[in-house]
Amino acid sequence: MTVSVLVPYRADGGARDRAWAWIRRWWNAEHPGWQLVEGRCDDGPWRKAVAVDDALARADGDVLVVADADVFVAGAADAVAAVRAGSAGWAVPHHRVHRLSEPATAAVLAGEPWPRAARAGYARPPYKGVAGGGIAVLPRSTYERVPIDARFEAWGSEDLAWGAALDTVAGRHLRGSAPLVHLWHPPAPRLNAHVGSAASHALLVRWQYAAKAGPAAVDGLVAEARAAVAAR
C-alpha cells in the first residue's frame, strides 16, 4: 500500500509560506518514500475540503495522511502502520499540540531543534489535539466515503465534524502519543477561540447529531453536502 500526504494550502506571502516551505522539506526528509501533494483553494473563501480534494485528484496512495501545512509530528509512520495493518480504521498520530510562539517558530526555521526552540515560548499552553485536525491517517476508500464537508468556509469546525463522522463510519480512532508541533502564523479571523462562524457552528452541530445517529445518517449528510456543492 502506497502513502500520499495531502496538504491543503493557500499562500499568504508571509508566515504561512515560510512555515510550509520548512514543513515541505521536513516531510521529504523524514518520509522520502511517501508522495507529498499540495492541494490548493485559491479562489473565494477558504475551504479546506476543496484543497484536500485538489490534492486527492493527483494522489496515488492507498493510505492518506491529511496534514495541515503548518504542523509536523514524529508519530506519522506508526499511524500509517496501524492503518496498513488494519488494526485501526483511522488514526491520529498525536496527543498534545505544541503551538509555538513567533520567536520559537523563527528558531525552528533557523535550524534549532523544536524542543529547544520551544523555550522561546508557546502561543498557548500545549493541549489535546482535535481528532480530525492537524494530521489524520486513513485509507483512501474511507476518505472517499466520508470526505471533509466543503460547505465549511474560512476557519473552524470542519475538523471536529469530520472526526466525529469518521469515528462513526470507520470506528473509534487510534490516538498516538507523539507531540504535534504547530508553527506560528497570524491566526485566522474567528468569532472566538472555539467558533469560526455561526454558520460553521450550526453545520458542525448537524454533523455531531448525524454521527450519534449512526453510519446511515452520516452517509446521508455526505450525500447532501455533495449535492449542495455540485449545485453551486
Foldseek 3Di string as FASTA:
>chain_A
DAEEEEEEDDDDPDDLVLQLVVVVVVCCVLPVRHHYFFFYDHDDFDFSLNRRVRRVVVDDDQKYKYAYSFKDWPQPVVQQVCQVVVVWQKAAAAFKEFAADQQLLVCVSVPDPNVVSCVVDHPDPIDGDQQQPHIMMHGPVLCVQQPQQRVDGWDALSSNLSRLLCCQPRNHHHYHHIYMYGHDDDDTCAPDPHGRDPVSVVVNVLSNVLSVVGNVSSSVVVVVSVVVVVVD
